[in-house]
Amino acid sequence: RQAMVFQRPVMLRRSAFQNVRFALEVAGAADADRVARE
């Protein structure tokens, strides 16, 4: 229930969409595709 953003963010070797979706997958979130797009 907390998050942190750094001065130099780490980007995965994936698309922008997949970067967001991966964070949701790790968190076990439902409907990851829709939430990532939003």
PDB file of all heavy atoms in Angstrom:
ATOM      1  N   ARG A   1       0.805  -1.217   0.000  1.00  0.00           N
ATOM      2  CA  ARG A   1       0.000   0.000   0.000  1.00  0.00           C
ATOM      3  C   ARG A   1       0.838   1.267   0.000  1.00  0.00           C
ATOM      4  O   ARG A   1       0.379   2.340   0.344  1.00  0.00           O
ATOM      5  CB  ARG A   1      -0.942  -0.037   1.207  1.00  0.00           C
ATOM      6  CG  ARG A   1      -1.952  -1.175   1.075  1.00  0.00           C
ATOM      7  CD  ARG A   1      -2.427  -1.690   2.409  1.00  0.00           C
ATOM      8  NE  ARG A   1      -3.300  -0.743   3.075  1.00  0.00           N
ATOM      9  CZ  ARG A   1      -3.790  -0.942   4.300  1.00  0.00           C
ATOM     10  NH1 ARG A   1      -3.475  -2.042   4.968  1.00  0.00           N
ATOM     11  NH2 ARG A   1      -4.572  -0.048   4.856  1.00  0.00           N
ATOM     12  N   GLN A   2       2.104   1.135  -0.381  1.00  0.00           N
ATOM     13  CA  GLN A   2       2.955   2.283  -0.569  1.00  0.00           C
ATOM     14  C   GLN A   2       3.803   2.067  -1.812  1.00  0.00           C
ATOM     15  O   GLN A   2       3.976   0.939  -2.277  1.00  0.00           O
ATOM     16  CB  GLN A   2       3.855   2.514   0.652  1.00  0.00           C
ATOM     17  CG  GLN A   2       4.779   1.344   0.953  1.00  0.00           C
ATOM     18  CD  GLN A   2       5.984   1.757   1.757  1.00  0.00           C
ATOM     19  OE1 GLN A   2       6.551   2.823   1.544  1.00  0.00           O
ATOM     20  NE2 GLN A   2       6.397   0.918   2.696  1.00  0.00           N
ATOM     21  N   ALA A   3       4.324   3.139  -2.362  1.00  0.00           N
ATOM     22  CA  ALA A   3       5.163   3.047  -3.555  1.00  0.00           C
ATOM     23  C   ALA A   3       6.220   4.134  -3.483  1.00  0.00           C
ATOM     24  O   ALA A   3       6.073   5.121  -2.751  1.00  0.00           O
ATOM     25  CB  ALA A   3       4.313   3.196  -4.822  1.00  0.00           C
ATOM     26  N   MET A   4       7.292   3.946  -4.256  1.00  0.00           N
ATOM     27  CA  MET A   4       8.355   4.947  -4.290  1.00  0.00           C
ATOM     28  C   MET A   4       8.833   5.130  -5.718  1.00  0.00           C
ATOM     29  O   MET A   4       8.993   4.168  -6.470  1.00  0.00           O
ATOM     30  CB  MET A   4       9.518   4.535  -3.393  1.00  0.00           C
ATOM     31  CG  MET A   4      10.605   5.590  -3.279  1.00  0.00           C
ATOM     32  SD  MET A   4      11.738   5.260  -1.892  1.00  0.00           S
ATOM     33  CE  MET A   4      12.839   6.672  -2.046  1.00  0.00           C
ATOM     34  N   VAL A   5       9.065   6.389  -6.087  1.00  0.00           N
ATOM     35  CA  VAL A   5       9.599   6.742  -7.403  1.00  0.00           C
ATOM     36  C   VAL A   5      10.918   7.482  -7.184  1.00  0.00           C
ATOM     37  O   VAL A   5      10.973   8.423  -6.386  1.00  0.00           O
ATOM     38  CB  VAL A   5       8.611   7.612  -8.195  1.00  0.00           C
ATOM     39  CG1 VAL A   5       9.253   8.127  -9.482  1.00  0.00           C
ATOM     40  CG2 VAL A   5       7.350   6.815  -8.521  1.00  0.00           C
ATOM     41  N   PHE A   6      11.945   7.050  -7.889  1.00  0.00           N
ATOM     42  CA  PHE A   6      13.292   7.564  -7.692  1.00  0.00           C
ATOM     43  C   PHE A   6      13.653   8.626  -8.726  1.00  0.00           C
ATOM     44  O   PHE A   6      12.982   8.777  -9.748  1.00  0.00           O
ATOM     45  CB  PHE A   6      14.304   6.422  -7.749  1.00  0.00           C
ATOM     46  CG  PHE A   6      14.062   5.349  -6.726  1.00  0.00           C
ATOM     47  CD1 PHE A   6      13.248   4.266  -7.025  1.00  0.00           C
ATOM     48  CD2 PHE A   6      14.615   5.429  -5.463  1.00  0.00           C
ATOM     49  CE1 PHE A   6      13.003   3.275  -6.087  1.00  0.00           C
ATOM     50  CE2 PHE A   6      14.382   4.446  -4.520  1.00  0.00           C
ATOM     51  CZ  PHE A   6      13.573   3.371  -4.831  1.00  0.00           C
ATOM     52  N   GLN A   7      14.746   9.312  -8.463  1.00  0.00           N
ATOM     53  CA  GLN A   7      15.223  10.328  -9.401  1.00  0.00           C
ATOM     54  C   GLN A   7      15.559   9.706 -10.752  1.00  0.00           C
ATOM     55  O   GLN A   7      15.276  10.282 -11.799  1.00  0.00           O
ATOM     56  CB  GLN A   7      16.461  11.017  -8.825  1.00  0.00           C
ATOM     57  CG  GLN A   7      17.055  12.083  -9.740  1.00  0.00           C
ATOM     58  CD  GLN A   7      18.253  12.765  -9.105  1.00  0.00           C
ATOM     59  OE1 GLN A   7      18.476  12.676  -7.903  1.00  0.00           O
ATOM     60  NE2 GLN A   7      19.040  13.439  -9.926  1.00  0.00           N
ATOM     61  N   ARG A   8      16.150   8.517 -10.731  1.00  0.00           N
ATOM     62  CA  ARG A   8      16.480   7.796 -11.968  1.00  0.00           C
ATOM     63  C   ARG A   8      15.730   6.465 -11.949  1.00  0.00           C
ATOM     64  O   ARG A   8      16.230   5.475 -11.411  1.00  0.00           O
ATOM     65  CB  ARG A   8      17.997   7.573 -12.078  1.00  0.00           C
ATOM     66  CG  ARG A   8      18.790   8.865 -12.182  1.00  0.00           C
ATOM     67  CD  ARG A   8      20.283   8.587 -12.271  1.00  0.00           C
ATOM     68  NE  ARG A   8      21.048   9.817 -12.374  1.00  0.00           N
ATOM     69  CZ  ARG A   8      21.450  10.539 -11.341  1.00  0.00           C
ATOM     70  NH1 ARG A   8      21.131  10.141 -10.113  1.00  0.00           N
ATOM     71  NH2 ARG A   8      22.145  11.646 -11.503  1.00  0.00           N
ATOM     72  N   PRO A   9      14.541   6.425 -12.518  1.00  0.00           N
ATOM     73  CA  PRO A   9      13.732   5.207 -12.446  1.00  0.00           C
ATOM     74  C   PRO A   9      14.339   4.066 -13.246  1.00  0.00           C
ATOM     75  O   PRO A   9      14.972   4.272 -14.281  1.00  0.00           O
ATOM     76  CB  PRO A   9      12.389   5.646 -13.039  1.00  0.00           C
ATOM     77  CG  PRO A   9      12.729   6.776 -13.946  1.00  0.00           C
ATOM     78  CD  PRO A   9      13.871   7.495 -13.279  1.00  0.00           C
ATOM     79  N   VAL A  10      14.155   2.857 -12.758  1.00  0.00           N
ATOM     80  CA  VAL A  10      14.629   1.661 -13.449  1.00  0.00           C
ATOM     81  C   VAL A  10      13.560   1.223 -14.445  1.00  0.00           C
ATOM     82  O   VAL A  10      12.402   1.018 -14.086  1.00  0.00           O
ATOM     83  CB  VAL A  10      14.915   0.529 -12.449  1.00  0.00           C
ATOM     84  CG1 VAL A  10      15.310  -0.743 -13.195  1.00  0.00           C
ATOM     85  CG2 VAL A  10      16.011   0.955 -11.480  1.00  0.00           C
ATOM     86  N   MET A  11      13.975   1.080 -15.691  1.00  0.00           N
ATOM     87  CA  MET A  11      13.062   0.651 -16.744  1.00  0.00           C
ATOM     88  C   MET A  11      13.396  -0.774 -17.163  1.00  0.00           C
ATOM     89  O   MET A  11      14.559  -1.091 -17.448  1.00  0.00           O
ATOM     90  CB  MET A  11      13.182   1.570 -17.974  1.00  0.00           C
ATOM     91  CG  MET A  11      12.784   3.020 -17.724  1.00  0.00           C
ATOM     92  SD  MET A  11      10.985   3.257 -17.555  1.00  0.00           S
ATOM     93  CE  MET A  11      10.843   3.566 -15.793  1.00  0.00           C
ATOM     94  N   LEU A  12      12.389  -1.633 -17.193  1.00  0.00           N
ATOM     95  CA  LEU A  12      12.587  -2.994 -17.672  1.00  0.00           C
ATOM     96  C   LEU A  12      12.754  -2.993 -19.186  1.00  0.00           C
ATOM     97  O   LEU A  12      12.288  -2.085 -19.888  1.00  0.00           O
ATOM     98  CB  LEU A  12      11.391  -3.867 -17.293  1.00  0.00           C
ATOM     99  CG  LEU A  12      11.063  -3.949 -15.806  1.00  0.00           C
ATOM    100  CD1 LEU A  12       9.806  -4.785 -15.598  1.00  0.00           C
ATOM    101  CD2 LEU A  12      12.227  -4.521 -15.011  1.00  0.00           C
ATOM    102  N   ARG A  13      13.394  -4.032 -19.719  1.00  0.00           N
ATOM    103  CA  ARG A  13      13.574  -4.158 -21.171  1.00  0.00           C
ATOM    104  C   ARG A  13      12.274  -4.649 -21.809  1.00  0.00           C
ATOM    105  O   ARG A  13      12.198  -5.736 -22.384  1.00  0.00           O
ATOM    106  CB  ARG A  13      14.718  -5.129 -21.485  1.00  0.00           C
ATOM    107  CG  ARG A  13      16.091  -4.618 -21.058  1.00  0.00           C
ATOM    108  CD  ARG A  13      17.180  -5.609 -21.419  1.00  0.00           C
ATOM    109  NE  ARG A  13      18.488  -5.157 -20.998  1.00  0.00           N
ATOM    110  CZ  ARG A  13      19.270  -4.338 -21.691  1.00  0.00           C
ATOM    111  NH1 ARG A  13      18.857  -3.892 -22.870  1.00  0.00           N
ATOM    112  NH2 ARG A  13      20.446  -3.984 -21.234  1.00  0.00           N
ATOM    113  N   ARG A  14      11.251  -3.827 -21.668  1.00  0.00           N
ATOM    114  CA  ARG A  14       9.921  -4.144 -22.176  1.00  0.00           C
ATOM    115  C   ARG A  14       9.272  -2.845 -22.637  1.00  0.00           C
ATOM    116  O   ARG A  14       9.828  -1.768 -22.462  1.00  0.00           O
ATOM    117  CB  ARG A  14       9.069  -4.790 -21.075  1.00  0.00           C
ATOM    118  CG  ARG A  14       9.710  -5.985 -20.412  1.00  0.00           C
ATOM    119  CD  ARG A  14       8.848  -6.581 -19.338  1.00  0.00           C
ATOM    120  NE  ARG A  14       9.525  -7.684 -18.655  1.00  0.00           N
ATOM    121  CZ  ARG A  14       8.936  -8.612 -17.936  1.00  0.00           C
ATOM    122  NH1 ARG A  14       7.616  -8.595 -17.796  1.00  0.00           N
ATOM    123  NH2 ARG A  14       9.614  -9.577 -17.350  1.00  0.00           N
ATOM    124  N   SER A  15       8.097  -2.967 -23.196  1.00  0.00           N
ATOM    125  CA  SER A  15       7.362  -1.779 -23.608  1.00  0.00           C
ATOM    126  C   SER A  15       6.881  -1.011 -22.387  1.00  0.00           C
ATOM    127  O   SER A  15       6.888  -1.523 -21.260  1.00  0.00           O
ATOM    128  CB  SER A  15       6.166  -2.172 -24.470  1.00  0.00           C
ATOM    129  OG  SER A  15       5.198  -2.865 -23.673  1.00  0.00           O
ATOM    130  N   ALA A  16       6.452   0.219 -22.615  1.00  0.00           N
ATOM    131  CA  ALA A  16       5.889   1.013 -21.524  1.00  0.00           C
ATOM    132  C   ALA A  16       4.711   0.275 -20.898  1.00  0.00           C
ATOM    133  O   ALA A  16       4.589   0.194 -19.667  1.00  0.00           O
ATOM    134  CB  ALA A  16       5.461   2.382 -22.051  1.00  0.00           C
ATOM    135  N   PHE A  17       3.840  -0.255 -21.721  1.00  0.00           N
ATOM    136  CA  PHE A  17       2.680  -0.998 -21.218  1.00  0.00           C
ATOM    137  C   PHE A  17       3.113  -2.186 -20.362  1.00  0.00           C
ATOM    138  O   PHE A  17       2.579  -2.408 -19.278  1.00  0.00           O
ATOM    139  CB  PHE A  17       1.826  -1.478 -22.396  1.00  0.00           C
ATOM    140  CG  PHE A  17       0.716  -2.406 -22.010  1.00  0.00           C
ATOM    141  CD1 PHE A  17      -0.469  -1.912 -21.488  1.00  0.00           C
ATOM    142  CD2 PHE A  17       0.855  -3.787 -22.155  1.00  0.00           C
ATOM    143  CE1 PHE A  17      -1.505  -2.765 -21.119  1.00  0.00           C
ATOM    144  CE2 PHE A  17      -0.166  -4.644 -21.792  1.00  0.00           C
ATOM    145  CZ  PHE A  17      -1.356  -4.139 -21.276  1.00  0.00           C
ATOM    146  N   GLN A  18       4.089  -2.955 -20.840  1.00  0.00           N
ATOM    147  CA  GLN A  18       4.523  -4.136 -20.108  1.00  0.00           C
ATOM    148  C   GLN A  18       5.243  -3.776 -18.813  1.00  0.00           C
ATOM    149  O   GLN A  18       5.219  -4.543 -17.851  1.00  0.00           O
ATOM    150  CB  GLN A  18       5.411  -5.016 -20.996  1.00  0.00           C
ATOM    151  CG  GLN A  18       4.670  -5.733 -22.108  1.00  0.00           C
ATOM    152  CD  GLN A  18       3.631  -6.710 -21.583  1.00  0.00           C
ATOM    153  OE1 GLN A  18       3.723  -7.187 -20.459  1.00  0.00           O
ATOM    154  NE2 GLN A  18       2.621  -7.017 -22.405  1.00  0.00           N
ATOM    155  N   ASN A  19       5.872  -2.612 -18.761  1.00  0.00           N
ATOM    156  CA  ASN A  19       6.467  -2.162 -17.506  1.00  0.00           C
ATOM    157  C   ASN A  19       5.398  -1.984 -16.438  1.00  0.00           C
ATOM    158  O   ASN A  19       5.576  -2.389 -15.286  1.00  0.00           O
ATOM    159  CB  ASN A  19       7.226  -0.850 -17.715  1.00  0.00           C
ATOM    160  CG  ASN A  19       8.710  -1.038 -17.956  1.00  0.00           C
ATOM    161  OD1 ASN A  19       9.527  -0.906 -17.055  1.00  0.00           O
ATOM    162  ND2 ASN A  19       9.041  -1.379 -19.196  1.00  0.00           N
ATOM    163  N   VAL A  20       4.289  -1.377 -16.820  1.00  0.00           N
ATOM    164  CA  VAL A  20       3.201  -1.179 -15.859  1.00  0.00           C
ATOM    165  C   VAL A  20       2.536  -2.506 -15.534  1.00  0.00           C
ATOM    166  O   VAL A  20       2.245  -2.814 -14.361  1.00  0.00           O
ATOM    167  CB  VAL A  20       2.169  -0.175 -16.401  1.00  0.00           C
ATOM    168  CG1 VAL A  20       1.041   0.028 -15.393  1.00  0.00           C
ATOM    169  CG2 VAL A  20       2.833   1.167 -16.714  1.00  0.00           C
ATOM    170  N   ARG A  21       2.299  -3.300 -16.551  1.00  0.00           N
ATOM    171  CA  ARG A  21       1.619  -4.586 -16.331  1.00  0.00           C
ATOM    172  C   ARG A  21       2.429  -5.497 -15.419  1.00  0.00           C
ATOM    173  O   ARG A  21       1.872  -6.202 -14.572  1.00  0.00           O
ATOM    174  CB  ARG A  21       1.353  -5.281 -17.666  1.00  0.00           C
ATOM    175  CG  ARG A  21       0.347  -6.421 -17.550  1.00  0.00           C
ATOM    176  CD  ARG A  21       0.144  -7.151 -18.859  1.00  0.00           C
ATOM    177  NE  ARG A  21      -1.004  -8.041 -18.790  1.00  0.00           N
ATOM    178  CZ  ARG A  21      -1.040  -9.181 -18.095  1.00  0.00           C
ATOM    179  NH1 ARG A  21       0.031  -9.578 -17.416  1.00  0.00           N
ATOM    180  NH2 ARG A  21      -2.126  -9.929 -18.082  1.00  0.00           N
ATOM    181  N   PHE A  22       3.756  -5.480 -15.578  1.00  0.00           N
ATOM    182  CA  PHE A  22       4.603  -6.332 -14.734  1.00  0.00           C
ATOM    183  C   PHE A  22       4.458  -5.951 -13.262  1.00  0.00           C
ATOM    184  O   PHE A  22       4.393  -6.830 -12.389  1.00  0.00           O
ATOM    185  CB  PHE A  22       6.062  -6.220 -15.168  1.00  0.00           C
ATOM    186  CG  PHE A  22       7.002  -7.054 -14.338  1.00  0.00           C
ATOM    187  CD1 PHE A  22       7.092  -8.420 -14.525  1.00  0.00           C
ATOM    188  CD2 PHE A  22       7.793  -6.463 -13.360  1.00  0.00           C
ATOM    189  CE1 PHE A  22       7.953  -9.195 -13.757  1.00  0.00           C
ATOM    190  CE2 PHE A  22       8.654  -7.229 -12.584  1.00  0.00           C
ATOM    191  CZ  PHE A  22       8.733  -8.600 -12.782  1.00  0.00           C
ATOM    192  N   ALA A  23       4.412  -4.651 -12.972  1.00  0.00           N
ATOM    193  CA  ALA A  23       4.227  -4.208 -11.583  1.00  0.00           C
ATOM    194  C   ALA A  23       2.912  -4.732 -11.021  1.00  0.00           C
ATOM    195  O   ALA A  23       2.839  -5.139  -9.854  1.00  0.00           O
ATOM    196  CB  ALA A  23       4.272  -2.686 -11.513  1.00  0.00           C
ATOM    197  N   LEU A  24       1.891  -4.731 -11.849  1.00  0.00           N
ATOM    198  CA  LEU A  24       0.589  -5.240 -11.412  1.00  0.00           C
ATOM    199  C   LEU A  24       0.629  -6.752 -11.194  1.00  0.00           C
ATOM    200  O   LEU A  24       0.028  -7.270 -10.246  1.00  0.00           O
ATOM    201  CB  LEU A  24      -0.472  -4.886 -12.445  1.00  0.00           C
ATOM    202  CG  LEU A  24      -0.832  -3.399 -12.520  1.00  0.00           C
ATOM    203  CD1 LEU A  24      -1.553  -3.084 -13.820  1.00  0.00           C
ATOM    204  CD2 LEU A  24      -1.693  -3.012 -11.325  1.00  0.00           C
ATOM    205  N   GLU A  25       1.341  -7.475 -12.064  1.00  0.00           N
ATOM    206  CA  GLU A  25       1.462  -8.921 -11.905  1.00  0.00           C
ATOM    207  C   GLU A  25       2.160  -9.262 -10.597  1.00  0.00           C
ATOM    208  O   GLU A  25       1.738 -10.162  -9.859  1.00  0.00           O
ATOM    209  CB  GLU A  25       2.243  -9.507 -13.082  1.00  0.00           C
ATOM    210  CG  GLU A  25       1.485  -9.501 -14.405  1.00  0.00           C
ATOM    211  CD  GLU A  25       2.365  -9.947 -15.564  1.00  0.00           C
ATOM    212  OE1 GLU A  25       3.582 -10.168 -15.330  1.00  0.00           O
ATOM    213  OE2 GLU A  25       1.863 -10.077 -16.686  1.00  0.00           O
ATOM    214  N   VAL A  26       3.247  -8.552 -10.303  1.00  0.00           N
ATOM    215  CA  VAL A  26       3.985  -8.805  -9.063  1.00  0.00           C
ATOM    216  C   VAL A  26       3.094  -8.561  -7.850  1.00  0.00           C
ATOM    217  O   VAL A  26       3.160  -9.280  -6.848  1.00  0.00           O
ATOM    218  CB  VAL A  26       5.246  -7.914  -9.003  1.00  0.00           C
ATOM    219  CG1 VAL A  26       5.892  -7.985  -7.629  1.00  0.00           C
ATOM    220  CG2 VAL A  26       6.238  -8.330 -10.076  1.00  0.00           C
ATOM    221  N   ALA A  27       2.239  -7.537  -7.950  1.00  0.00           N
ATOM    222  CA  ALA A  27       1.336  -7.210  -6.838  1.00  0.00           C
ATOM    223  C   ALA A  27       0.121  -8.123  -6.777  1.00  0.00           C
ATOM    224  O   ALA A  27      -0.675  -8.040  -5.831  1.00  0.00           O
ATOM    225  CB  ALA A  27       0.885  -5.761  -6.965  1.00  0.00           C
ATOM    226  N   GLY A  28      -0.042  -8.986  -7.777  1.00  0.00           N
ATOM    227  CA  GLY A  28      -1.187  -9.890  -7.788  1.00  0.00           C
ATOM    228  C   GLY A  28      -2.496  -9.190  -8.095  1.00  0.00           C
ATOM    229  O   GLY A  28      -3.568  -9.648  -7.672  1.00  0.00           O
ATOM    230  N   ALA A  29      -2.427  -8.088  -8.835  1.00  0.00           N
ATOM    231  CA  ALA A  29      -3.628  -7.302  -9.124  1.00  0.00           C
ATOM    232  C   ALA A  29      -4.485  -7.990 -10.184  1.00  0.00           C
ATOM    233  O   ALA A  29      -3.986  -8.682 -11.077  1.00  0.00           O
ATOM    234  CB  ALA A  29      -3.239  -5.909  -9.593  1.00  0.00           C
ATOM    235  N   ALA A  30      -5.781  -7.769 -10.090  1.00  0.00           N
ATOM    236  CA  ALA A  30      -6.712  -8.318 -11.073  1.00  0.00           C
ATOM    237  C   ALA A  30      -6.856  -7.367 -12.262  1.00  0.00           C
ATOM    238  O   ALA A  30      -6.621  -6.161 -12.134  1.00  0.00           O
ATOM    239  CB  ALA A  30      -8.071  -8.545 -10.419  1.00  0.00           C
ATOM    240  N   ASP A  31      -7.239  -7.928 -13.416  1.00  0.00           N
ATOM    241  CA  ASP A  31      -7.515  -7.136 -14.614  1.00  0.00           C
ATOM    242  C   ASP A  31      -6.333  -6.232 -14.958  1.00  0.00           C
ATOM    243  O   ASP A  31      -6.488  -5.017 -15.174  1.00  0.00           O
ATOM    244  CB  ASP A  31      -8.785  -6.311 -14.408  1.00  0.00           C
ATOM    245  CG  ASP A  31      -9.457  -5.950 -15.727  1.00  0.00           C
ATOM    246  OD1 ASP A  31      -8.932  -6.353 -16.774  1.00  0.00           O
ATOM    247  OD2 ASP A  31     -10.481  -5.256 -15.691  1.00  0.00           O
ATOM    248  N   ALA A  32      -5.137  -6.822 -14.999  1.00  0.00           N
ATOM    249  CA  ALA A  32      -3.909  -6.052 -15.166  1.00  0.00           C
ATOM    250  C   ALA A  32      -3.875  -5.265 -16.477  1.00  0.00           C
ATOM    251  O   ALA A  32      -3.378  -4.130 -16.503  1.00  0.00           O
ATOM    252  CB  ALA A  32      -2.697  -6.977 -15.076  1.00  0.00           C
ATOM    253  N   ASP A  33      -4.386  -5.824 -17.567  1.00  0.00           N
ATOM    254  CA  ASP A  33      -4.342  -5.109 -18.848  1.00  0.00           C
ATOM    255  C   ASP A  33      -5.125  -3.805 -18.776  1.00  0.00           C
ATOM    256  O   ASP A  33      -4.643  -2.744 -19.195  1.00  0.00           O
ATOM    257  CB  ASP A  33      -4.914  -5.994 -19.966  1.00  0.00           C
ATOM    258  CG  ASP A  33      -3.952  -7.085 -20.386  1.00  0.00           C
ATOM    259  OD1 ASP A  33      -2.840  -7.153 -19.833  1.00  0.00           O
ATOM    260  OD2 ASP A  33      -4.319  -7.885 -21.271  1.00  0.00           O
ATOM    261  N   ARG A  34      -6.331  -3.873 -18.253  1.00  0.00           N
ATOM    262  CA  ARG A  34      -7.164  -2.667 -18.180  1.00  0.00           C
ATOM    263  C   ARG A  34      -6.541  -1.622 -17.261  1.00  0.00           C
ATOM    264  O   ARG A  34      -6.470  -0.443 -17.612  1.00  0.00           O
ATOM    265  CB  ARG A  34      -8.564  -3.033 -17.670  1.00  0.00           C
ATOM    266  CG  ARG A  34      -9.470  -1.808 -17.487  1.00  0.00           C
ATOM    267  CD  ARG A  34     -10.804  -2.191 -16.852  1.00  0.00           C
ATOM    268  NE  ARG A  34     -10.637  -2.768 -15.530  1.00  0.00           N
ATOM    269  CZ  ARG A  34     -10.423  -2.047 -14.424  1.00  0.00           C
ATOM    270  NH1 ARG A  34     -10.354  -0.728 -14.480  1.00  0.00           N
ATOM    271  NH2 ARG A  34     -10.287  -2.651 -13.255  1.00  0.00           N
ATOM    272  N   VAL A  35      -6.078  -2.048 -16.113  1.00  0.00           N
ATOM    273  CA  VAL A  35      -5.511  -1.102 -15.152  1.00  0.00           C
ATOM    274  C   VAL A  35      -4.242  -0.467 -15.710  1.00  0.00           C
ATOM    275  O   VAL A  35      -4.001   0.726 -15.529  1.00  0.00           O
ATOM    276  CB  VAL A  35      -5.232  -1.808 -13.808  1.00  0.00           C
ATOM    277  CG1 VAL A  35      -4.551  -0.848 -12.836  1.00  0.00           C
ATOM    278  CG2 VAL A  35      -6.531  -2.331 -13.208  1.00  0.00           C
ATOM    279  N   ALA A  36      -3.424  -1.246 -16.406  1.00  0.00           N
ATOM    280  CA  ALA A  36      -2.202  -0.700 -17.009  1.00  0.00           C
ATOM    281  C   ALA A  36      -2.537   0.356 -18.047  1.00  0.00           C
ATOM    282  O   ALA A  36      -1.900   1.415 -18.107  1.00  0.00           O
ATOM    283  CB  ALA A  36      -1.377  -1.828 -17.622  1.00  0.00           C
ATOM    284  N   ARG A  37      -3.544   0.100 -18.876  1.00  0.00           N
ATOM    285  CA  ARG A  37      -3.948   1.089 -19.886  1.00  0.00           C
ATOM    286  C   ARG A  37      -4.455   2.362 -19.212  1.00  0.00           C
ATOM    287  O   ARG A  37      -4.146   3.480 -19.646  1.00  0.00           O
ATOM    288  CB  ARG A  37      -5.023   0.499 -20.802  1.00  0.00           C
ATOM    289  CG  ARG A  37      -4.500  -0.548 -21.780  1.00  0.00           C
ATOM    290  CD  ARG A  37      -5.528  -0.855 -22.861  1.00  0.00           C
ATOM    291  NE  ARG A  37      -6.738  -1.470 -22.300  1.00  0.00           N
ATOM    292  CZ  ARG A  37      -6.911  -2.783 -22.168  1.00  0.00           C
ATOM    293  NH1 ARG A  37      -5.962  -3.620 -22.542  1.00  0.00           N
ATOM    294  NH2 ARG A  37      -8.031  -3.268 -21.675  1.00  0.00           N
ATOM    295  N   GLU A  38      -5.243   2.205 -18.154  1.00  0.00           N
ATOM    296  CA  GLU A  38      -5.770   3.379 -17.451  1.00  0.00           C
ATOM    297  C   GLU A  38      -4.651   4.188 -16.810  1.00  0.00           C
ATOM    298  O   GLU A  38      -4.681   5.429 -16.834  1.00  0.00           O
ATOM    299  CB  GLU A  38      -6.769   2.928 -16.382  1.00  0.00           C
ATOM    300  CG  GLU A  38      -8.067   2.383 -16.957  1.00  0.00           C
ATOM    301  CD  GLU A  38      -8.994   1.852 -15.879  1.00  0.00           C
ATOM    302  OE1 GLU A  38      -8.560   1.780 -14.700  1.00  0.00           O
ATOM    303  OE2 GLU A  38     -10.145   1.505 -16.209  1.00  0.00           O
TER     304      GLU A  38
END
